[in-house]
PDB file of N, CA and C in Angstrom:
ATOM      1  N   MET A   1     238.356 110.220 152.175  1.00  0.00           N
ATOM      2  CA  MET A   1     238.063 110.094 150.774  1.00  0.00           C
ATOM      3  C   MET A   1     237.228 108.827 150.580  1.00  0.00           C
ATOM      4  N   THR A   2     236.175 108.894 149.752  1.00  0.00           N
ATOM      5  CA  THR A   2     235.318 107.735 149.507  1.00  0.00           C
ATOM      6  C   THR A   2     235.746 107.039 148.225  1.00  0.00           C
ATOM      7  N   ASP A   3     235.145 105.867 147.987  1.00  0.00           N
ATOM      8  CA  ASP A   3     235.464 105.110 146.766  1.00  0.00           C
ATOM      9  C   ASP A   3     235.051 105.851 145.506  1.00  0.00           C
ATOM     10  N   LYS A   4     234.059 106.729 145.615  1.00  0.00           N
ATOM     11  CA  LYS A   4     233.545 107.438 144.447  1.00  0.00           C
ATOM     12  C   LYS A   4     234.342 108.689 144.120  1.00  0.00           C
ATOM     13  N   THR A   5     235.232 109.086 144.961  1.00  0.00           N
ATOM     14  CA  THR A   5     236.033 110.273 144.728  1.00  0.00           C
ATOM     15  C   THR A   5     237.110 109.950 143.701  1.00  0.00           C
ATOM     16  N   LEU A   6     237.219 110.775 142.695  1.00  0.00           N
ATOM     17  CA  LEU A   6     238.224 110.585 141.656  1.00  0.00           C
ATOM     18  C   LEU A   6     239.526 111.235 142.101  1.00  0.00           C
ATOM     19  N   THR A   7     240.558 110.426 142.220  1.00  0.00           N
ATOM     20  CA  THR A   7     241.851 110.964 142.632  1.00  0.00           C
ATOM     21  C   THR A   7     242.612 111.449 141.407  1.00  0.00           C
ATOM     22  N   ARG A   8     243.609 112.268 141.653  1.00  0.00           N
ATOM     23  CA  ARG A   8     244.437 112.745 140.553  1.00  0.00           C
ATOM     24  C   ARG A   8     245.125 111.561 139.860  1.00  0.00           C
ATOM     25  N   ARG A   9     245.640 110.619 140.632  1.00  0.00           N
ATOM     26  CA  ARG A   9     246.314 109.442 140.078  1.00  0.00           C
ATOM     27  C   ARG A   9     245.335 108.613 139.226  1.00  0.00           C
ATOM     28  N   GLY A  10     244.114 108.444 139.717  1.00  0.00           N
ATOM     29  CA  GLY A  10     243.104 107.685 138.970  1.00  0.00           C
ATOM     30  C   GLY A  10     242.725 108.368 137.672  1.00  0.00           C
ATOM     31  N   PHE A  11     242.598 109.703 137.721  1.00  0.00           N
ATOM     32  CA  PHE A  11     242.267 110.464 136.527  1.00  0.00           C
ATOM     33  C   PHE A  11     243.373 110.350 135.478  1.00  0.00           C
ATOM     34  N   ILE A  12     244.608 110.496 135.918  1.00  0.00           N
ATOM     35  CA  ILE A  12     245.750 110.402 134.997  1.00  0.00           C
ATOM     36  C   ILE A  12     245.838 108.994 134.406  1.00  0.00           C
ATOM     37  N   GLY A  13     245.619 107.991 135.230  1.00  0.00           N
ATOM     38  CA  GLY A  13     245.653 106.605 134.733  1.00  0.00           C
ATOM     39  C   GLY A  13     244.560 106.344 133.711  1.00  0.00           C
ATOM     40  N   ALA A  14     243.356 106.823 133.996  1.00  0.00           N
ATOM     41  CA  ALA A  14     242.239 106.634 133.062  1.00  0.00           C
ATOM     42  C   ALA A  14     242.498 107.371 131.753  1.00  0.00           C
ATOM     43  N   THR A  15     243.040 108.561 131.841  1.00  0.00           N
ATOM     44  CA  THR A  15     243.357 109.346 130.653  1.00  0.00           C
ATOM     45  C   THR A  15     244.458 108.670 129.831  1.00  0.00           C
ATOM     46  N   ALA A  16     245.447 108.130 130.527  1.00  0.00           N
ATOM     47  CA  ALA A  16     246.554 107.455 129.840  1.00  0.00           C
ATOM     48  C   ALA A  16     246.061 106.251 129.047  1.00  0.00           C
ATOM     49  N   VAL A  17     245.008 105.611 129.481  1.00  0.00           N
ATOM     50  CA  VAL A  17     244.436 104.474 128.766  1.00  0.00           C
ATOM     51  C   VAL A  17     243.486 104.957 127.666  1.00  0.00           C
ATOM     52  N   ALA A  18     242.673 105.946 127.958  1.00  0.00           N
ATOM     53  CA  ALA A  18     241.648 106.408 127.026  1.00  0.00           C
ATOM     54  C   ALA A  18     242.217 107.043 125.766  1.00  0.00           C
ATOM     55  N   ILE A  19     243.275 107.805 125.882  1.00  0.00           N
ATOM     56  CA  ILE A  19     243.823 108.505 124.719  1.00  0.00           C
ATOM     57  C   ILE A  19     244.335 107.527 123.656  1.00  0.00           C
ATOM     58  N   PRO A  20     245.182 106.535 123.980  1.00  0.00           N
ATOM     59  CA  PRO A  20     245.631 105.607 122.940  1.00  0.00           C
ATOM     60  C   PRO A  20     244.483 104.773 122.356  1.00  0.00           C
ATOM     61  N   VAL A  21     243.542 104.365 123.177  1.00  0.00           N
ATOM     62  CA  VAL A  21     242.410 103.577 122.683  1.00  0.00           C
ATOM     63  C   VAL A  21     241.596 104.409 121.694  1.00  0.00           C
ATOM     64  N   THR A  22     241.346 105.651 122.017  1.00  0.00           N
ATOM     65  CA  THR A  22     240.608 106.541 121.119  1.00  0.00           C
ATOM     66  C   THR A  22     241.371 106.741 119.811  1.00  0.00           C
ATOM     67  N   ALA A  23     242.665 106.915 119.898  1.00  0.00           N
ATOM     68  CA  ALA A  23     243.486 107.110 118.697  1.00  0.00           C
ATOM     69  C   ALA A  23     243.451 105.872 117.804  1.00  0.00           C
ATOM     70  N   ILE A  24     243.522 104.700 118.389  1.00  0.00           N
ATOM     71  CA  ILE A  24     243.479 103.450 117.616  1.00  0.00           C
ATOM     72  C   ILE A  24     242.134 103.314 116.915  1.00  0.00           C
ATOM     73  N   LEU A  25     241.054 103.538 117.640  1.00  0.00           N
ATOM     74  CA  LEU A  25     239.724 103.430 117.048  1.00  0.00           C
ATOM     75  C   LEU A  25     239.528 104.454 115.938  1.00  0.00           C
ATOM     76  N   ALA A  26     240.011 105.660 116.128  1.00  0.00           N
ATOM     77  CA  ALA A  26     239.884 106.701 115.113  1.00  0.00           C
ATOM     78  C   ALA A  26     240.681 106.349 113.864  1.00  0.00           C
ATOM     79  N   SER A  27     241.887 105.806 114.027  1.00  0.00           N
ATOM     80  CA  SER A  27     242.701 105.466 112.861  1.00  0.00           C
ATOM     81  C   SER A  27     242.086 104.303 112.087  1.00  0.00           C
ATOM     82  N   ARG A  28     241.487 103.347 112.784  1.00  0.00           N
ATOM     83  CA  ARG A  28     240.811 102.229 112.099  1.00  0.00           C
ATOM     84  C   ARG A  28     239.612 102.727 111.316  1.00  0.00           C
ATOM     85  N   THR A  29     238.869 103.640 111.896  1.00  0.00           N
ATOM     86  CA  THR A  29     237.709 104.208 111.211  1.00  0.00           C
ATOM     87  C   THR A  29     238.151 104.987 109.980  1.00  0.00           C
ATOM     88  N   ALA A  30     239.197 105.776 110.118  1.00  0.00           N
ATOM     89  CA  ALA A  30     239.714 106.558 108.994  1.00  0.00           C
ATOM     90  C   ALA A  30     240.231 105.643 107.894  1.00  0.00           C
ATOM     91  N   ALA A  31     240.916 104.570 108.261  1.00  0.00           N
ATOM     92  CA  ALA A  31     241.431 103.623 107.263  1.00  0.00           C
ATOM     93  C   ALA A  31     240.293 102.937 106.526  1.00  0.00           C
ATOM     94  N   ALA A  32     239.247 102.565 107.244  1.00  0.00           N
ATOM     95  CA  ALA A  32     238.093 101.920 106.613  1.00  0.00           C
ATOM     96  C   ALA A  32     237.401 102.884 105.654  1.00  0.00           C
ATOM     97  N   GLN A  33     237.263 104.144 106.035  1.00  0.00           N
ATOM     98  CA  GLN A  33     236.641 105.133 105.163  1.00  0.00           C
ATOM     99  C   GLN A  33     237.504 105.397 103.934  1.00  0.00           C
ATOM    100  N   ALA A  34     238.809 105.463 104.118  1.00  0.00           N
ATOM    101  CA  ALA A  34     239.717 105.685 102.990  1.00  0.00           C
ATOM    102  C   ALA A  34     239.664 104.517 102.024  1.00  0.00           C
ATOM    103  N   GLN A  35     239.566 103.308 102.562  1.00  0.00           N
ATOM    104  CA  GLN A  35     239.499 102.111 101.725  1.00  0.00           C
ATOM    105  C   GLN A  35     238.235 102.134 100.876  1.00  0.00           C
ATOM    106  N   LYS A  36     237.116 102.568 101.441  1.00  0.00           N
ATOM    107  CA  LYS A  36     235.861 102.632 100.692  1.00  0.00           C
ATOM    108  C   LYS A  36     235.941 103.657  99.573  1.00  0.00           C
ATOM    109  N   ALA A  37     236.762 104.681  99.737  1.00  0.00           N
ATOM    110  CA  ALA A  37     236.859 105.751  98.759  1.00  0.00           C
ATOM    111  C   ALA A  37     237.708 105.359  97.544  1.00  0.00           C
ATOM    112  N   LEU A  38     238.545 104.346  97.663  1.00  0.00           N
ATOM    113  CA  LEU A  38     239.403 103.937  96.551  1.00  0.00           C
ATOM    114  C   LEU A  38     238.579 103.224  95.480  1.00  0.00           C
ATOM    115  N   PRO A  39     238.937 103.407  94.206  1.00  0.00           N
ATOM    116  CA  PRO A  39     238.221 102.719  93.126  1.00  0.00           C
ATOM    117  C   PRO A  39     238.656 101.257  93.021  1.00  0.00           C
ATOM    118  N   HIS A  40     237.751 100.432  92.508  1.00  0.00           N
ATOM    119  CA  HIS A  40     238.093  99.032  92.233  1.00  0.00           C
ATOM    120  C   HIS A  40     238.989  98.998  90.999  1.00  0.00           C
ATOM    121  N   LEU A  41     239.924  98.067  90.989  1.00  0.00           N
ATOM    122  CA  LEU A  41     240.818  97.912  89.842  1.00  0.00           C
ATOM    123  C   LEU A  41     240.033  97.363  88.662  1.00  0.00           C
ATOM    124  N   ASP A  42     240.129  98.042  87.545  1.00  0.00           N
ATOM    125  CA  ASP A  42     239.484  97.602  86.309  1.00  0.00           C
ATOM    126  C   ASP A  42     240.431  96.635  85.601  1.00  0.00           C
ATOM    127  N   PRO A  43     239.962  95.426  85.261  1.00  0.00           N
ATOM    128  CA  PRO A  43     240.832  94.475  84.543  1.00  0.00           C
ATOM    129  C   PRO A  43     241.376  95.036  83.227  1.00  0.00           C
ATOM    130  N   ALA A  44     240.718  96.069  82.679  1.00  0.00           N
ATOM    131  CA  ALA A  44     241.191  96.682  81.432  1.00  0.00           C
ATOM    132  C   ALA A  44     242.280  97.729  81.679  1.00  0.00           C
ATOM    133  N   ASP A  45     242.560  98.056  82.924  1.00  0.00           N
ATOM    134  CA  ASP A  45     243.621  98.999  83.280  1.00  0.00           C
ATOM    135  C   ASP A  45     244.939  98.469  82.708  1.00  0.00           C
ATOM    136  N   PRO A  46     245.789  99.333  82.132  1.00  0.00           N
ATOM    137  CA  PRO A  46     247.049  98.877  81.529  1.00  0.00           C
ATOM    138  C   PRO A  46     247.951  98.085  82.489  1.00  0.00           C
ATOM    139  N   VAL A  47     248.052  98.512  83.750  1.00  0.00           N
ATOM    140  CA  VAL A  47     248.881  97.788  84.715  1.00  0.00           C
ATOM    141  C   VAL A  47     248.239  96.440  85.049  1.00  0.00           C
ATOM    142  N   ALA A  48     246.918  96.423  85.168  1.00  0.00           N
ATOM    143  CA  ALA A  48     246.199  95.172  85.435  1.00  0.00           C
ATOM    144  C   ALA A  48     246.430  94.185  84.294  1.00  0.00           C
ATOM    145  N   LYS A  49     246.373  94.686  83.064  1.00  0.00           N
ATOM    146  CA  LYS A  49     246.622  93.815  81.900  1.00  0.00           C
ATOM    147  C   LYS A  49     248.063  93.304  81.901  1.00  0.00           C
ATOM    148  N   ALA A  50     249.004  94.196  82.215  1.00  0.00           N
ATOM    149  CA  ALA A  50     250.412  93.809  82.224  1.00  0.00           C
ATOM    150  C   ALA A  50     250.684  92.719  83.260  1.00  0.00           C
ATOM    151  N   LEU A  51     249.947  92.759  84.392  1.00  0.00           N
ATOM    152  CA  LEU A  51     250.140  91.758  85.445  1.00  0.00           C
ATOM    153  C   LEU A  51     249.101  90.633  85.364  1.00  0.00           C
ATOM    154  N   ASN A  52     248.370  90.580  84.249  1.00  0.00           N
ATOM    155  CA  ASN A  52     247.419  89.503  83.985  1.00  0.00           C
ATOM    156  C   ASN A  52     246.380  89.369  85.109  1.00  0.00           C
ATOM    157  N   TYR A  53     245.835  90.508  85.559  1.00  0.00           N
ATOM    158  CA  TYR A  53     244.853  90.524  86.646  1.00  0.00           C
ATOM    159  C   TYR A  53     243.532  89.921  86.193  1.00  0.00           C
ATOM    160  N   HIS A  54     243.016  89.020  87.000  1.00  0.00           N
ATOM    161  CA  HIS A  54     241.695  88.423  86.796  1.00  0.00           C
ATOM    162  C   HIS A  54     240.835  88.812  87.987  1.00  0.00           C
ATOM    163  N   LEU A  55     239.628  89.266  87.737  1.00  0.00           N
ATOM    164  CA  LEU A  55     238.728  89.746  88.779  1.00  0.00           C
ATOM    165  C   LEU A  55     238.236  88.619  89.692  1.00  0.00           C
ATOM    166  N   ASP A  56     238.017  87.424  89.128  1.00  0.00           N
ATOM    167  CA  ASP A  56     237.489  86.306  89.913  1.00  0.00           C
ATOM    168  C   ASP A  56     238.017  84.994  89.347  1.00  0.00           C
ATOM    169  N   VAL A  57     238.928  84.356  90.074  1.00  0.00           N
ATOM    170  CA  VAL A  57     239.524  83.108  89.582  1.00  0.00           C
ATOM    171  C   VAL A  57     238.507  81.978  89.491  1.00  0.00           C
ATOM    172  N   THR A  58     237.391  82.076  90.222  1.00  0.00           N
ATOM    173  CA  THR A  58     236.380  81.023  90.168  1.00  0.00           C
ATOM    174  C   THR A  58     235.532  81.124  88.907  1.00  0.00           C
ATOM    175  N   LYS A  59     235.610  82.277  88.220  1.00  0.00           N
ATOM    176  CA  LYS A  59     234.825  82.474  86.996  1.00  0.00           C
ATOM    177  C   LYS A  59     235.706  82.587  85.752  1.00  0.00           C
ATOM    178  N   SER A  60     236.996  82.436  85.908  1.00  0.00           N
ATOM    179  CA  SER A  60     237.939  82.526  84.788  1.00  0.00           C
ATOM    180  C   SER A  60     238.541  81.158  84.517  1.00  0.00           C
ATOM    181  N   ASP A  61     238.899  80.917  83.262  1.00  0.00           N
ATOM    182  CA  ASP A  61     239.600  79.675  82.918  1.00  0.00           C
ATOM    183  C   ASP A  61     241.082  79.894  83.219  1.00  0.00           C
ATOM    184  N   MET A  62     241.473  79.564  84.438  1.00  0.00           N
ATOM    185  CA  MET A  62     242.836  79.823  84.886  1.00  0.00           C
ATOM    186  C   MET A  62     243.820  78.745  84.422  1.00  0.00           C
ATOM    187  N   SER A  63     243.335  77.681  83.802  1.00  0.00           N
ATOM    188  CA  SER A  63     244.233  76.619  83.332  1.00  0.00           C
ATOM    189  C   SER A  63     245.170  77.121  82.236  1.00  0.00           C
ATOM    190  N   LYS A  64     244.792  78.180  81.556  1.00  0.00           N
ATOM    191  CA  LYS A  64     245.610  78.736  80.481  1.00  0.00           C
ATOM    192  C   LYS A  64     246.467  79.917  80.927  1.00  0.00           C
ATOM    193  N   VAL A  65     246.411  80.230  82.220  1.00  0.00           N
ATOM    194  CA  VAL A  65     247.138  81.393  82.738  1.00  0.00           C
ATOM    195  C   VAL A  65     248.486  80.949  83.293  1.00  0.00           C
ATOM    196  N   SER A  66     249.545  81.459  82.705  1.00  0.00           N
ATOM    197  CA  SER A  66     250.903  81.101  83.118  1.00  0.00           C
ATOM    198  C   SER A  66     251.171  81.563  84.546  1.00  0.00           C
ATOM    199  N   GLY A  67     251.672  80.675  85.376  1.00  0.00           N
ATOM    200  CA  GLY A  67     252.041  81.006  86.747  1.00  0.00           C
ATOM    201  C   GLY A  67     250.941  80.812  87.772  1.00  0.00           C
ATOM    202  N   PHE A  68     249.703  80.575  87.318  1.00  0.00           N
ATOM    203  CA  PHE A  68     248.606  80.400  88.273  1.00  0.00           C
ATOM    204  C   PHE A  68     248.700  79.031  88.937  1.00  0.00           C
ATOM    205  N   LYS A  69     248.513  79.020  90.258  1.00  0.00           N
ATOM    206  CA  LYS A  69     248.483  77.781  91.028  1.00  0.00           C
ATOM    207  C   LYS A  69     247.103  77.654  91.650  1.00  0.00           C
ATOM    208  N   ALA A  70     246.503  76.492  91.544  1.00  0.00           N
ATOM    209  CA  ALA A  70     245.177  76.268  92.125  1.00  0.00           C
ATOM    210  C   ALA A  70     245.191  76.665  93.602  1.00  0.00           C
ATOM    211  N   GLY A  71     244.158  77.346  94.025  1.00  0.00           N
ATOM    212  CA  GLY A  71     244.058  77.778  95.417  1.00  0.00           C
ATOM    213  C   GLY A  71     244.640  79.154  95.686  1.00  0.00           C
ATOM    214  N   SER A  72     245.301  79.745  94.706  1.00  0.00           N
ATOM    215  CA  SER A  72     245.870  81.086  94.907  1.00  0.00           C
ATOM    216  C   SER A  72     244.865  82.141  94.462  1.00  0.00           C
ATOM    217  N   ASP A  73     244.775  83.188  95.243  1.00  0.00           N
ATOM    218  CA  ASP A  73     243.943  84.343  94.907  1.00  0.00           C
ATOM    219  C   ASP A  73     244.437  85.535  95.724  1.00  0.00           C
ATOM    220  N   CYS A  74     243.860  86.682  95.485  1.00  0.00           N
ATOM    221  CA  CYS A  74     244.314  87.898  96.174  1.00  0.00           C
ATOM    222  C   CYS A  74     244.190  87.793  97.694  1.00  0.00           C
ATOM    223  N   ALA A  75     243.189  87.074  98.175  1.00  0.00           N
ATOM    224  CA  ALA A  75     242.971  86.967  99.621  1.00  0.00           C
ATOM    225  C   ALA A  75     244.138  86.285 100.334  1.00  0.00           C
ATOM    226  N   ASN A  76     244.859  85.393  99.641  1.00  0.00           N
ATOM    227  CA  ASN A  76     245.975  84.707 100.295  1.00  0.00           C
ATOM    228  C   ASN A  76     247.333  85.136  99.728  1.00  0.00           C
ATOM    229  N   CYS A  77     247.364  86.353  99.198  1.00  0.00           N
ATOM    230  CA  CYS A  77     248.596  86.911  98.628  1.00  0.00           C
ATOM    231  C   CYS A  77     249.263  87.865  99.619  1.00  0.00           C
ATOM    232  N   ILE A  78     250.573  87.876  99.616  1.00  0.00           N
ATOM    233  CA  ILE A  78     251.339  88.765 100.503  1.00  0.00           C
ATOM    234  C   ILE A  78     251.128  90.239 100.155  1.00  0.00           C
ATOM    235  N   GLN A  79     250.703  90.535  98.929  1.00  0.00           N
ATOM    236  CA  GLN A  79     250.522  91.918  98.478  1.00  0.00           C
ATOM    237  C   GLN A  79     249.274  92.581  99.070  1.00  0.00           C
ATOM    238  N   ILE A  80     248.302  91.769  99.518  1.00  0.00           N
ATOM    239  CA  ILE A  80     247.028  92.318 100.021  1.00  0.00           C
ATOM    240  C   ILE A  80     247.295  93.104 101.304  1.00  0.00           C
ATOM    241  N   GLN A  81     246.613  94.234 101.483  1.00  0.00           N
ATOM    242  CA  GLN A  81     246.950  95.129 102.591  1.00  0.00           C
ATOM    243  C   GLN A  81     245.856  95.286 103.640  1.00  0.00           C
ATOM    244  N   ALA A  82     244.825  94.496 103.600  1.00  0.00           N
ATOM    245  CA  ALA A  82     243.774  94.575 104.623  1.00  0.00           C
ATOM    246  C   ALA A  82     243.414  93.156 105.033  1.00  0.00           C
ATOM    247  N   ALA A  83     242.963  93.013 106.269  1.00  0.00           N
ATOM    248  CA  ALA A  83     242.666  91.689 106.818  1.00  0.00           C
ATOM    249  C   ALA A  83     241.418  91.063 106.229  1.00  0.00           C
ATOM    250  N   SER A  84     240.448  91.865 105.839  1.00  0.00           N
ATOM    251  CA  SER A  84     239.215  91.299 105.304  1.00  0.00           C
ATOM    252  C   SER A  84     238.533  92.288 104.375  1.00  0.00           C
ATOM    253  N   GLY A  85     237.586  91.775 103.626  1.00  0.00           N
ATOM    254  CA  GLY A  85     236.816  92.604 102.708  1.00  0.00           C
ATOM    255  C   GLY A  85     236.802  92.011 101.317  1.00  0.00           C
ATOM    256  N   ALA A  86     235.701  92.174 100.615  1.00  0.00           N
ATOM    257  CA  ALA A  86     235.585  91.648  99.253  1.00  0.00           C
ATOM    258  C   ALA A  86     236.553  92.361  98.307  1.00  0.00           C
ATOM    259  N   PHE A  87     236.832  93.651  98.580  1.00  0.00           N
ATOM    260  CA  PHE A  87     237.808  94.425  97.816  1.00  0.00           C
ATOM    261  C   PHE A  87     238.746  95.077  98.806  1.00  0.00           C
ATOM    262  N   ARG A  88     240.060  94.969  98.529  1.00  0.00           N
ATOM    263  CA  ARG A  88     241.072  95.470  99.467  1.00  0.00           C
ATOM    264  C   ARG A  88     242.219  96.140  98.719  1.00  0.00           C
ATOM    265  N   PRO A  89     242.959  97.027  99.408  1.00  0.00           N
ATOM    266  CA  PRO A  89     244.143  97.626  98.797  1.00  0.00           C
ATOM    267  C   PRO A  89     245.205  96.560  98.528  1.00  0.00           C
ATOM    268  N   CYS A  90     246.009  96.803  97.507  1.00  0.00           N
ATOM    269  CA  CYS A  90     247.047  95.847  97.110  1.00  0.00           C
ATOM    270  C   CYS A  90     248.339  96.604  96.805  1.00  0.00           C
ATOM    271  N   GLY A  91     249.456  96.056  97.239  1.00  0.00           N
ATOM    272  CA  GLY A  91     250.752  96.677  96.994  1.00  0.00           C
ATOM    273  C   GLY A  91     251.119  96.743  95.521  1.00  0.00           C
ATOM    274  N   ALA A  92     250.596  95.836  94.713  1.00  0.00           N
ATOM    275  CA  ALA A  92     250.908  95.824  93.285  1.00  0.00           C
ATOM    276  C   ALA A  92     250.127  96.887  92.511  1.00  0.00           C
ATOM    277  N   PHE A  93     249.015  97.349  93.086  1.00  0.00           N
ATOM    278  CA  PHE A  93     248.159  98.330  92.418  1.00  0.00           C
ATOM    279  C   PHE A  93     247.836  99.481  93.379  1.00  0.00           C
ATOM    280  N   PRO A  94     248.791 100.346  93.675  1.00  0.00           N
ATOM    281  CA  PRO A  94     248.566 101.435  94.629  1.00  0.00           C
ATOM    282  C   PRO A  94     247.382 102.311  94.223  1.00  0.00           C
ATOM    283  N   GLY A  95     246.564 102.650  95.223  1.00  0.00           N
ATOM    284  CA  GLY A  95     245.425 103.524  94.973  1.00  0.00           C
ATOM    285  C   GLY A  95     244.202 102.827  94.420  1.00  0.00           C
ATOM    286  N   LYS A  96     244.261 101.508  94.303  1.00  0.00           N
ATOM    287  CA  LYS A  96     243.137 100.737  93.769  1.00  0.00           C
ATOM    288  C   LYS A  96     242.827  99.586  94.726  1.00  0.00           C
ATOM    289  N   LEU A  97     241.586  99.105  94.643  1.00  0.00           N
ATOM    290  CA  LEU A  97     241.170  97.944  95.423  1.00  0.00           C
ATOM    291  C   LEU A  97     241.057  96.741  94.495  1.00  0.00           C
ATOM    292  N   VAL A  98     241.573  95.616  94.933  1.00  0.00           N
ATOM    293  CA  VAL A  98     241.468  94.383  94.154  1.00  0.00           C
ATOM    294  C   VAL A  98     240.455  93.451  94.809  1.00  0.00           C
ATOM    295  N   ALA A  99     239.879  92.571  94.013  1.00  0.00           N
ATOM    296  CA  ALA A  99     238.910  91.608  94.520  1.00  0.00           C
ATOM    297  C   ALA A  99     239.628  90.506  95.276  1.00  0.00           C
ATOM    298  N   GLU A 100     239.091  90.105  96.427  1.00  0.00           N
ATOM    299  CA  GLU A 100     239.734  89.027  97.183  1.00  0.00           C
ATOM    300  C   GLU A 100     239.748  87.724  96.393  1.00  0.00           C
ATOM    301  N   LYS A 101     238.831  87.550  95.448  1.00  0.00           N
ATOM    302  CA  LYS A 101     238.794  86.355  94.602  1.00  0.00           C
ATOM    303  C   LYS A 101     239.618  86.544  93.329  1.00  0.00           C
ATOM    304  N   GLY A 102     240.288  87.692  93.220  1.00  0.00           N
ATOM    305  CA  GLY A 102     241.085  87.992  92.045  1.00  0.00           C
ATOM    306  C   GLY A 102     242.455  87.313  92.085  1.00  0.00           C
ATOM    307  N   TRP A 103     243.243  87.557  91.051  1.00  0.00           N
ATOM    308  CA  TRP A 103     244.601  87.009  90.963  1.00  0.00           C
ATOM    309  C   TRP A 103     245.359  87.811  89.917  1.00  0.00           C
ATOM    310  N   CYS A 104     246.679  87.959  90.122  1.00  0.00           N
ATOM    311  CA  CYS A 104     247.556  88.526  89.107  1.00  0.00           C
ATOM    312  C   CYS A 104     248.921  87.858  89.204  1.00  0.00           C
ATOM    313  N   SER A 105     249.770  88.128  88.240  1.00  0.00           N
ATOM    314  CA  SER A 105     251.083  87.476  88.207  1.00  0.00           C
ATOM    315  C   SER A 105     252.031  87.956  89.307  1.00  0.00           C
ATOM    316  N   ALA A 106     251.647  88.990  90.053  1.00  0.00           N
ATOM    317  CA  ALA A 106     252.457  89.440  91.196  1.00  0.00           C
ATOM    318  C   ALA A 106     252.132  88.611  92.449  1.00  0.00           C
ATOM    319  N   TRP A 107     251.227  87.643  92.334  1.00  0.00           N
ATOM    320  CA  TRP A 107     250.815  86.850  93.475  1.00  0.00           C
ATOM    321  C   TRP A 107     251.998  86.124  94.106  1.00  0.00           C
ATOM    322  N   ALA A 108     252.075  86.197  95.424  1.00  0.00           N
ATOM    323  CA  ALA A 108     253.068  85.457  96.212  1.00  0.00           C
ATOM    324  C   ALA A 108     252.359  85.014  97.486  1.00  0.00           C
ATOM    325  N   LYS A 109     252.570  83.780  97.877  1.00  0.00           N
ATOM    326  CA  LYS A 109     251.860  83.224  99.028  1.00  0.00           C
ATOM    327  C   LYS A 109     252.152  84.004 100.299  1.00  0.00           C
ATOM    328  N   LYS A 110     251.078  84.310 101.019  1.00  0.00           N
ATOM    329  CA  LYS A 110     251.171  84.981 102.312  1.00  0.00           C
ATOM    330  C   LYS A 110     251.744  83.990 103.309  1.00  0.00           C
ATOM    331  N   PRO A 111     252.758  84.376 104.093  1.00  0.00           N
ATOM    332  CA  PRO A 111     253.326  83.449 105.071  1.00  0.00           C
ATOM    333  C   PRO A 111     252.296  83.066 106.138  1.00  0.00           C
ATOM    334  N   GLY A 112     252.461  81.856 106.621  1.00  0.00           N
ATOM    335  CA  GLY A 112     251.611  81.398 107.721  1.00  0.00           C
ATOM    336  C   GLY A 112     250.467  80.677 107.248  1.00  0.00           C
TER     337      GLY A 112
END
């Protein structure tokens, strides 16, 4: 047998690695596509109003907002559900994307 001959053990090993890697890549792609399909949260939405959602804390006068702490925004909130992106899913607003520069009264500091 030469080095170029594919053995049954080698084939099974390669397949065992390829299948999970393919599944992971496919699920990430599907999640990214699903995220793009979700609508952005409208600040006029009744739930957004109830939770005092602001689209961009850098453009809002947050000094008058009860509970707001300087430096807090959706990007550093425990409710945010994606690692990066200008708009991301949020546990407080299922089915909607919030702005990473946004803020609402459900904000809680992300650990770490």
